[in-house]
Amino acid sequence: MVKKIDVTQHVLTPKFFKLSPDEIKKLLETYNISDVQLPVISEKDPVAKAANLKAGDMIKIERKTPTGKSDYYRRVV
């Protein structure tokens, strides 16, 4: 029997959140960009698979930095 590992619980995996349609709209308006201008993450990525993300979804990633935290956004393709 193969033991499944939850990659979302790994210490090196940053916290991530799926954005709602309202949050996506606000993000795009705030930065005056279109969704295709965001960096992408594959829906085949282990974290995307674990979170059941599909193409078209957008996520916010919170990464720890020496000065606090930084937010990054990705579009799932």
PDB file of N, CA and C in Angstrom:
ATOM      1  N   MET A   1       0.845  -1.184   0.000  1.00  0.00           N
ATOM      2  CA  MET A   1       0.000   0.000   0.000  1.00  0.00           C
ATOM      3  C   MET A   1       0.886   1.242   0.000  1.00  0.00           C
ATOM      4  N   VAL A   2       0.566   2.184  -0.880  1.00  0.00           N
ATOM      5  CA  VAL A   2       1.336   3.415  -1.009  1.00  0.00           C
ATOM      6  C   VAL A   2       0.736   4.473  -0.090  1.00  0.00           C
ATOM      7  N   LYS A   3       1.606   5.105   0.688  1.00  0.00           N
ATOM      8  CA  LYS A   3       1.154   6.158   1.598  1.00  0.00           C
ATOM      9  C   LYS A   3       1.075   7.476   0.826  1.00  0.00           C
ATOM     10  N   LYS A   4      -0.078   8.153   0.899  1.00  0.00           N
ATOM     11  CA  LYS A   4      -0.249   9.436   0.226  1.00  0.00           C
ATOM     12  C   LYS A   4       0.300  10.553   1.107  1.00  0.00           C
ATOM     13  N   ILE A   5       0.970  11.473   0.466  1.00  0.00           N
ATOM     14  CA  ILE A   5       1.531  12.625   1.166  1.00  0.00           C
ATOM     15  C   ILE A   5       0.729  13.857   0.784  1.00  0.00           C
ATOM     16  N   ASP A   6       0.323  14.625   1.779  1.00  0.00           N
ATOM     17  CA  ASP A   6      -0.405  15.869   1.536  1.00  0.00           C
ATOM     18  C   ASP A   6       0.609  16.997   1.382  1.00  0.00           C
ATOM     19  N   VAL A   7       0.875  17.403   0.134  1.00  0.00           N
ATOM     20  CA  VAL A   7       1.892  18.425  -0.125  1.00  0.00           C
ATOM     21  C   VAL A   7       1.504  19.780   0.443  1.00  0.00           C
ATOM     22  N   THR A   8       0.215  20.007   0.669  1.00  0.00           N
ATOM     23  CA  THR A   8      -0.210  21.302   1.209  1.00  0.00           C
ATOM     24  C   THR A   8       0.198  21.480   2.667  1.00  0.00           C
ATOM     25  N   GLN A   9       0.531  20.381   3.336  1.00  0.00           N
ATOM     26  CA  GLN A   9       0.919  20.446   4.742  1.00  0.00           C
ATOM     27  C   GLN A   9       2.431  20.471   4.947  1.00  0.00           C
ATOM     28  N   HIS A  10       3.179  20.443   3.850  1.00  0.00           N
ATOM     29  CA  HIS A  10       4.640  20.436   3.952  1.00  0.00           C
ATOM     30  C   HIS A  10       5.140  21.801   4.406  1.00  0.00           C
ATOM     31  N   VAL A  11       6.201  21.817   5.190  1.00  0.00           N
ATOM     32  CA  VAL A  11       6.728  23.055   5.771  1.00  0.00           C
ATOM     33  C   VAL A  11       7.202  24.036   4.689  1.00  0.00           C
ATOM     34  N   LEU A  12       7.627  23.571   3.539  1.00  0.00           N
ATOM     35  CA  LEU A  12       8.122  24.452   2.484  1.00  0.00           C
ATOM     36  C   LEU A  12       7.040  24.930   1.518  1.00  0.00           C
ATOM     37  N   THR A  13       5.832  24.407   1.649  1.00  0.00           N
ATOM     38  CA  THR A  13       4.734  24.832   0.786  1.00  0.00           C
ATOM     39  C   THR A  13       4.106  26.091   1.372  1.00  0.00           C
ATOM     40  N   PRO A  14       4.116  27.199   0.601  1.00  0.00           N
ATOM     41  CA  PRO A  14       3.498  28.425   1.130  1.00  0.00           C
ATOM     42  C   PRO A  14       1.985  28.292   1.199  1.00  0.00           C
ATOM     43  N   LYS A  15       1.364  29.133   2.009  1.00  0.00           N
ATOM     44  CA  LYS A  15      -0.089  29.142   2.105  1.00  0.00           C
ATOM     45  C   LYS A  15      -0.660  29.706   0.809  1.00  0.00           C
ATOM     46  N   PHE A  16      -1.770  29.133   0.376  1.00  0.00           N
ATOM     47  CA  PHE A  16      -2.409  29.625  -0.840  1.00  0.00           C
ATOM     48  C   PHE A  16      -3.916  29.592  -0.660  1.00  0.00           C
ATOM     49  N   PHE A  17      -4.581  30.486  -1.392  1.00  0.00           N
ATOM     50  CA  PHE A  17      -6.023  30.629  -1.291  1.00  0.00           C
ATOM     51  C   PHE A  17      -6.606  30.811  -2.677  1.00  0.00           C
ATOM     52  N   LYS A  18      -7.696  30.110  -2.958  1.00  0.00           N
ATOM     53  CA  LYS A  18      -8.402  30.289  -4.220  1.00  0.00           C
ATOM     54  C   LYS A  18      -9.199  31.580  -4.124  1.00  0.00           C
ATOM     55  N   LEU A  19      -9.105  32.424  -5.155  1.00  0.00           N
ATOM     56  CA  LEU A  19      -9.807  33.700  -5.157  1.00  0.00           C
ATOM     57  C   LEU A  19     -11.236  33.544  -5.664  1.00  0.00           C
ATOM     58  N   SER A  20     -12.133  34.281  -5.060  1.00  0.00           N
ATOM     59  CA  SER A  20     -13.530  34.306  -5.502  1.00  0.00           C
ATOM     60  C   SER A  20     -13.626  35.225  -6.726  1.00  0.00           C
ATOM     61  N   PRO A  21     -14.719  35.141  -7.479  1.00  0.00           N
ATOM     62  CA  PRO A  21     -14.883  36.038  -8.637  1.00  0.00           C
ATOM     63  C   PRO A  21     -14.786  37.518  -8.260  1.00  0.00           C
ATOM     64  N   ASP A  22     -15.324  37.899  -7.111  1.00  0.00           N
ATOM     65  CA  ASP A  22     -15.225  39.299  -6.669  1.00  0.00           C
ATOM     66  C   ASP A  22     -13.779  39.684  -6.376  1.00  0.00           C
ATOM     67  N   GLU A  23     -13.031  38.783  -5.741  1.00  0.00           N
ATOM     68  CA  GLU A  23     -11.628  39.056  -5.432  1.00  0.00           C
ATOM     69  C   GLU A  23     -10.803  39.155  -6.710  1.00  0.00           C
ATOM     70  N   ILE A  24     -11.130  38.333  -7.697  1.00  0.00           N
ATOM     71  CA  ILE A  24     -10.418  38.385  -8.979  1.00  0.00           C
ATOM     72  C   ILE A  24     -10.662  39.727  -9.652  1.00  0.00           C
ATOM     73  N   LYS A  25     -11.919  40.145  -9.669  1.00  0.00           N
ATOM     74  CA  LYS A  25     -12.265  41.433 -10.287  1.00  0.00           C
ATOM     75  C   LYS A  25     -11.530  42.583  -9.604  1.00  0.00           C
ATOM     76  N   LYS A  26     -11.514  42.572  -8.278  1.00  0.00           N
ATOM     77  CA  LYS A  26     -10.841  43.632  -7.517  1.00  0.00           C
ATOM     78  C   LYS A  26      -9.331  43.625  -7.790  1.00  0.00           C
ATOM     79  N   LEU A  27      -8.732  42.430  -7.849  1.00  0.00           N
ATOM     80  CA  LEU A  27      -7.297  42.309  -8.120  1.00  0.00           C
ATOM     81  C   LEU A  27      -6.954  42.898  -9.485  1.00  0.00           C
ATOM     82  N   LEU A  28      -7.721  42.523 -10.498  1.00  0.00           N
ATOM     83  CA  LEU A  28      -7.444  42.993 -11.859  1.00  0.00           C
ATOM     84  C   LEU A  28      -7.647  44.499 -11.979  1.00  0.00           C
ATOM     85  N   GLU A  29      -8.658  45.032 -11.292  1.00  0.00           N
ATOM     86  CA  GLU A  29      -8.888  46.480 -11.313  1.00  0.00           C
ATOM     87  C   GLU A  29      -7.802  47.230 -10.550  1.00  0.00           C
ATOM     88  N   THR A  30      -7.370  46.688  -9.421  1.00  0.00           N
ATOM     89  CA  THR A  30      -6.341  47.340  -8.603  1.00  0.00           C
ATOM     90  C   THR A  30      -5.046  47.514  -9.376  1.00  0.00           C
ATOM     91  N   TYR A  31      -4.638  46.467 -10.085  1.00  0.00           N
ATOM     92  CA  TYR A  31      -3.368  46.516 -10.820  1.00  0.00           C
ATOM     93  C   TYR A  31      -3.551  46.900 -12.281  1.00  0.00           C
ATOM     94  N   ASN A  32      -4.800  47.156 -12.707  1.00  0.00           N
ATOM     95  CA  ASN A  32      -5.116  47.555 -14.076  1.00  0.00           C
ATOM     96  C   ASN A  32      -4.495  46.586 -15.088  1.00  0.00           C
ATOM     97  N   ILE A  33      -4.798  45.297 -14.894  1.00  0.00           N
ATOM     98  CA  ILE A  33      -4.268  44.248 -15.764  1.00  0.00           C
ATOM     99  C   ILE A  33      -5.403  43.327 -16.195  1.00  0.00           C
ATOM    100  N   SER A  34      -5.105  42.482 -17.164  1.00  0.00           N
ATOM    101  CA  SER A  34      -6.058  41.434 -17.537  1.00  0.00           C
ATOM    102  C   SER A  34      -5.541  40.122 -16.964  1.00  0.00           C
ATOM    103  N   ASP A  35      -6.399  39.123 -16.922  1.00  0.00           N
ATOM    104  CA  ASP A  35      -6.003  37.859 -16.307  1.00  0.00           C
ATOM    105  C   ASP A  35      -4.842  37.179 -17.032  1.00  0.00           C
ATOM    106  N   VAL A  36      -4.707  37.397 -18.337  1.00  0.00           N
ATOM    107  CA  VAL A  36      -3.616  36.744 -19.076  1.00  0.00           C
ATOM    108  C   VAL A  36      -2.247  37.347 -18.759  1.00  0.00           C
ATOM    109  N   GLN A  37      -2.218  38.469 -18.062  1.00  0.00           N
ATOM    110  CA  GLN A  37      -0.954  39.093 -17.690  1.00  0.00           C
ATOM    111  C   GLN A  37      -0.378  38.523 -16.390  1.00  0.00           C
ATOM    112  N   LEU A  38      -1.152  37.689 -15.702  1.00  0.00           N
ATOM    113  CA  LEU A  38      -0.659  37.073 -14.470  1.00  0.00           C
ATOM    114  C   LEU A  38       0.210  35.865 -14.788  1.00  0.00           C
ATOM    115  N   PRO A  39       1.190  35.577 -13.935  1.00  0.00           N
ATOM    116  CA  PRO A  39       1.957  34.345 -14.100  1.00  0.00           C
ATOM    117  C   PRO A  39       1.028  33.142 -13.954  1.00  0.00           C
ATOM    118  N   VAL A  40       1.445  32.010 -14.480  1.00  0.00           N
ATOM    119  CA  VAL A  40       0.580  30.834 -14.477  1.00  0.00           C
ATOM    120  C   VAL A  40       1.127  29.726 -13.585  1.00  0.00           C
ATOM    121  N   ILE A  41       0.224  28.831 -13.219  1.00  0.00           N
ATOM    122  CA  ILE A  41       0.569  27.596 -12.526  1.00  0.00           C
ATOM    123  C   ILE A  41      -0.241  26.503 -13.214  1.00  0.00           C
ATOM    124  N   SER A  42       0.368  25.384 -13.461  1.00  0.00           N
ATOM    125  CA  SER A  42      -0.307  24.296 -14.146  1.00  0.00           C
ATOM    126  C   SER A  42      -1.304  23.617 -13.216  1.00  0.00           C
ATOM    127  N   GLU A  43      -2.444  23.187 -13.785  1.00  0.00           N
ATOM    128  CA  GLU A  43      -3.401  22.451 -12.977  1.00  0.00           C
ATOM    129  C   GLU A  43      -2.861  21.067 -12.633  1.00  0.00           C
ATOM    130  N   LYS A  44      -1.728  20.688 -13.245  1.00  0.00           N
ATOM    131  CA  LYS A  44      -1.079  19.413 -12.944  1.00  0.00           C
ATOM    132  C   LYS A  44      -0.041  19.546 -11.832  1.00  0.00           C
ATOM    133  N   ASP A  45       0.184  20.777 -11.362  1.00  0.00           N
ATOM    134  CA  ASP A  45       1.094  21.017 -10.250  1.00  0.00           C
ATOM    135  C   ASP A  45       0.567  20.276  -9.020  1.00  0.00           C
ATOM    136  N   PRO A  46       1.445  19.669  -8.228  1.00  0.00           N
ATOM    137  CA  PRO A  46       0.980  18.918  -7.049  1.00  0.00           C
ATOM    138  C   PRO A  46       0.093  19.727  -6.099  1.00  0.00           C
ATOM    139  N   VAL A  47       0.414  20.983  -5.890  1.00  0.00           N
ATOM    140  CA  VAL A  47      -0.405  21.814  -5.001  1.00  0.00           C
ATOM    141  C   VAL A  47      -1.765  22.087  -5.642  1.00  0.00           C
ATOM    142  N   ALA A  48      -1.793  22.357  -6.939  1.00  0.00           N
ATOM    143  CA  ALA A  48      -3.052  22.599  -7.631  1.00  0.00           C
ATOM    144  C   ALA A  48      -3.929  21.350  -7.621  1.00  0.00           C
ATOM    145  N   LYS A  49      -3.314  20.204  -7.789  1.00  0.00           N
ATOM    146  CA  LYS A  49      -4.069  18.950  -7.740  1.00  0.00           C
ATOM    147  C   LYS A  49      -4.655  18.734  -6.346  1.00  0.00           C
ATOM    148  N   ALA A  50      -3.842  18.968  -5.322  1.00  0.00           N
ATOM    149  CA  ALA A  50      -4.292  18.759  -3.944  1.00  0.00           C
ATOM    150  C   ALA A  50      -5.448  19.692  -3.582  1.00  0.00           C
ATOM    151  N   ALA A  51      -5.450  20.904  -4.156  1.00  0.00           N
ATOM    152  CA  ALA A  51      -6.500  21.883  -3.865  1.00  0.00           C
ATOM    153  C   ALA A  51      -7.658  21.780  -4.856  1.00  0.00           C
ATOM    154  N   ASN A  52      -7.577  20.828  -5.790  1.00  0.00           N
ATOM    155  CA  ASN A  52      -8.619  20.613  -6.791  1.00  0.00           C
ATOM    156  C   ASN A  52      -8.869  21.870  -7.620  1.00  0.00           C
ATOM    157  N   LEU A  53      -7.778  22.539  -8.033  1.00  0.00           N
ATOM    158  CA  LEU A  53      -7.886  23.740  -8.859  1.00  0.00           C
ATOM    159  C   LEU A  53      -8.047  23.355 -10.321  1.00  0.00           C
ATOM    160  N   LYS A  54      -8.812  24.135 -11.034  1.00  0.00           N
ATOM    161  CA  LYS A  54      -9.069  23.895 -12.452  1.00  0.00           C
ATOM    162  C   LYS A  54      -8.608  25.097 -13.269  1.00  0.00           C
ATOM    163  N   ALA A  55      -8.410  24.881 -14.567  1.00  0.00           N
ATOM    164  CA  ALA A  55      -8.014  25.963 -15.464  1.00  0.00           C
ATOM    165  C   ALA A  55      -9.007  27.114 -15.354  1.00  0.00           C
ATOM    166  N   GLY A  56      -8.468  28.322 -15.253  1.00  0.00           N
ATOM    167  CA  GLY A  56      -9.308  29.508 -15.108  1.00  0.00           C
ATOM    168  C   GLY A  56      -9.380  30.022 -13.684  1.00  0.00           C
ATOM    169  N   ASP A  57      -9.090  29.162 -12.710  1.00  0.00           N
ATOM    170  CA  ASP A  57      -9.062  29.604 -11.313  1.00  0.00           C
ATOM    171  C   ASP A  57      -7.860  30.520 -11.091  1.00  0.00           C
ATOM    172  N   MET A  58      -7.922  31.322 -10.050  1.00  0.00           N
ATOM    173  CA  MET A  58      -6.791  32.156  -9.655  1.00  0.00           C
ATOM    174  C   MET A  58      -6.528  31.938  -8.179  1.00  0.00           C
ATOM    175  N   ILE A  59      -5.243  31.973  -7.820  1.00  0.00           N
ATOM    176  CA  ILE A  59      -4.871  31.767  -6.429  1.00  0.00           C
ATOM    177  C   ILE A  59      -3.970  32.894  -5.933  1.00  0.00           C
ATOM    178  N   LYS A  60      -4.032  33.098  -4.638  1.00  0.00           N
ATOM    179  CA  LYS A  60      -3.145  34.035  -3.948  1.00  0.00           C
ATOM    180  C   LYS A  60      -2.198  33.177  -3.128  1.00  0.00           C
ATOM    181  N   ILE A  61      -0.906  33.431  -3.259  1.00  0.00           N
ATOM    182  CA  ILE A  61       0.107  32.680  -2.525  1.00  0.00           C
ATOM    183  C   ILE A  61       0.775  33.636  -1.539  1.00  0.00           C
ATOM    184  N   GLU A  62       0.797  33.247  -0.263  1.00  0.00           N
ATOM    185  CA  GLU A  62       1.459  34.052   0.770  1.00  0.00           C
ATOM    186  C   GLU A  62       2.813  33.430   1.080  1.00  0.00           C
ATOM    187  N   ARG A  63       3.865  34.125   0.716  1.00  0.00           N
ATOM    188  CA  ARG A  63       5.219  33.625   0.967  1.00  0.00           C
ATOM    189  C   ARG A  63       5.856  34.421   2.097  1.00  0.00           C
ATOM    190  N   LYS A  64       6.560  33.710   2.955  1.00  0.00           N
ATOM    191  CA  LYS A  64       7.287  34.373   4.034  1.00  0.00           C
ATOM    192  C   LYS A  64       8.587  34.927   3.470  1.00  0.00           C
ATOM    193  N   THR A  65       8.912  36.146   3.893  1.00  0.00           N
ATOM    194  CA  THR A  65      10.160  36.786   3.488  1.00  0.00           C
ATOM    195  C   THR A  65      10.880  37.252   4.746  1.00  0.00           C
ATOM    196  N   PRO A  66      12.148  37.605   4.640  1.00  0.00           N
ATOM    197  CA  PRO A  66      12.864  38.098   5.823  1.00  0.00           C
ATOM    198  C   PRO A  66      12.224  39.343   6.435  1.00  0.00           C
ATOM    199  N   THR A  67      11.452  40.092   5.648  1.00  0.00           N
ATOM    200  CA  THR A  67      10.835  41.318   6.153  1.00  0.00           C
ATOM    201  C   THR A  67       9.351  41.161   6.456  1.00  0.00           C
ATOM    202  N   GLY A  68       8.829  39.939   6.389  1.00  0.00           N
ATOM    203  CA  GLY A  68       7.417  39.720   6.674  1.00  0.00           C
ATOM    204  C   GLY A  68       6.819  38.710   5.723  1.00  0.00           C
ATOM    205  N   LYS A  69       5.851  39.143   4.916  1.00  0.00           N
ATOM    206  CA  LYS A  69       5.254  38.257   3.916  1.00  0.00           C
ATOM    207  C   LYS A  69       4.969  39.030   2.645  1.00  0.00           C
ATOM    208  N   SER A  70       4.938  38.297   1.540  1.00  0.00           N
ATOM    209  CA  SER A  70       4.619  38.883   0.243  1.00  0.00           C
ATOM    210  C   SER A  70       3.528  38.056  -0.410  1.00  0.00           C
ATOM    211  N   ASP A  71       2.629  38.731  -1.102  1.00  0.00           N
ATOM    212  CA  ASP A  71       1.550  38.053  -1.795  1.00  0.00           C
ATOM    213  C   ASP A  71       1.892  37.934  -3.277  1.00  0.00           C
ATOM    214  N   TYR A  72       1.638  36.771  -3.834  1.00  0.00           N
ATOM    215  CA  TYR A  72       1.834  36.497  -5.250  1.00  0.00           C
ATOM    216  C   TYR A  72       0.534  35.925  -5.790  1.00  0.00           C
ATOM    217  N   TYR A  73       0.274  36.179  -7.037  1.00  0.00           N
ATOM    218  CA  TYR A  73      -0.957  35.694  -7.652  1.00  0.00           C
ATOM    219  C   TYR A  73      -0.624  34.850  -8.883  1.00  0.00           C
ATOM    220  N   ARG A  74      -1.386  33.798  -9.077  1.00  0.00           N
ATOM    221  CA  ARG A  74      -1.186  32.902 -10.219  1.00  0.00           C
ATOM    222  C   ARG A  74      -2.532  32.553 -10.837  1.00  0.00           C
ATOM    223  N   ARG A  75      -2.518  32.373 -12.157  1.00  0.00           N
ATOM    224  CA  ARG A  75      -3.685  31.909 -12.900  1.00  0.00           C
ATOM    225  C   ARG A  75      -3.449  30.448 -13.244  1.00  0.00           C
ATOM    226  N   VAL A  76      -4.436  29.617 -13.001  1.00  0.00           N
ATOM    227  CA  VAL A  76      -4.304  28.187 -13.250  1.00  0.00           C
ATOM    228  C   VAL A  76      -4.601  27.916 -14.724  1.00  0.00           C
ATOM    229  N   VAL A  77      -3.685  27.187 -15.358  1.00  0.00           N
ATOM    230  CA  VAL A  77      -3.866  26.808 -16.770  1.00  0.00           C
ATOM    231  C   VAL A  77      -3.788  25.317 -16.918  1.00  0.00           C
TER     232      VAL A  77
END
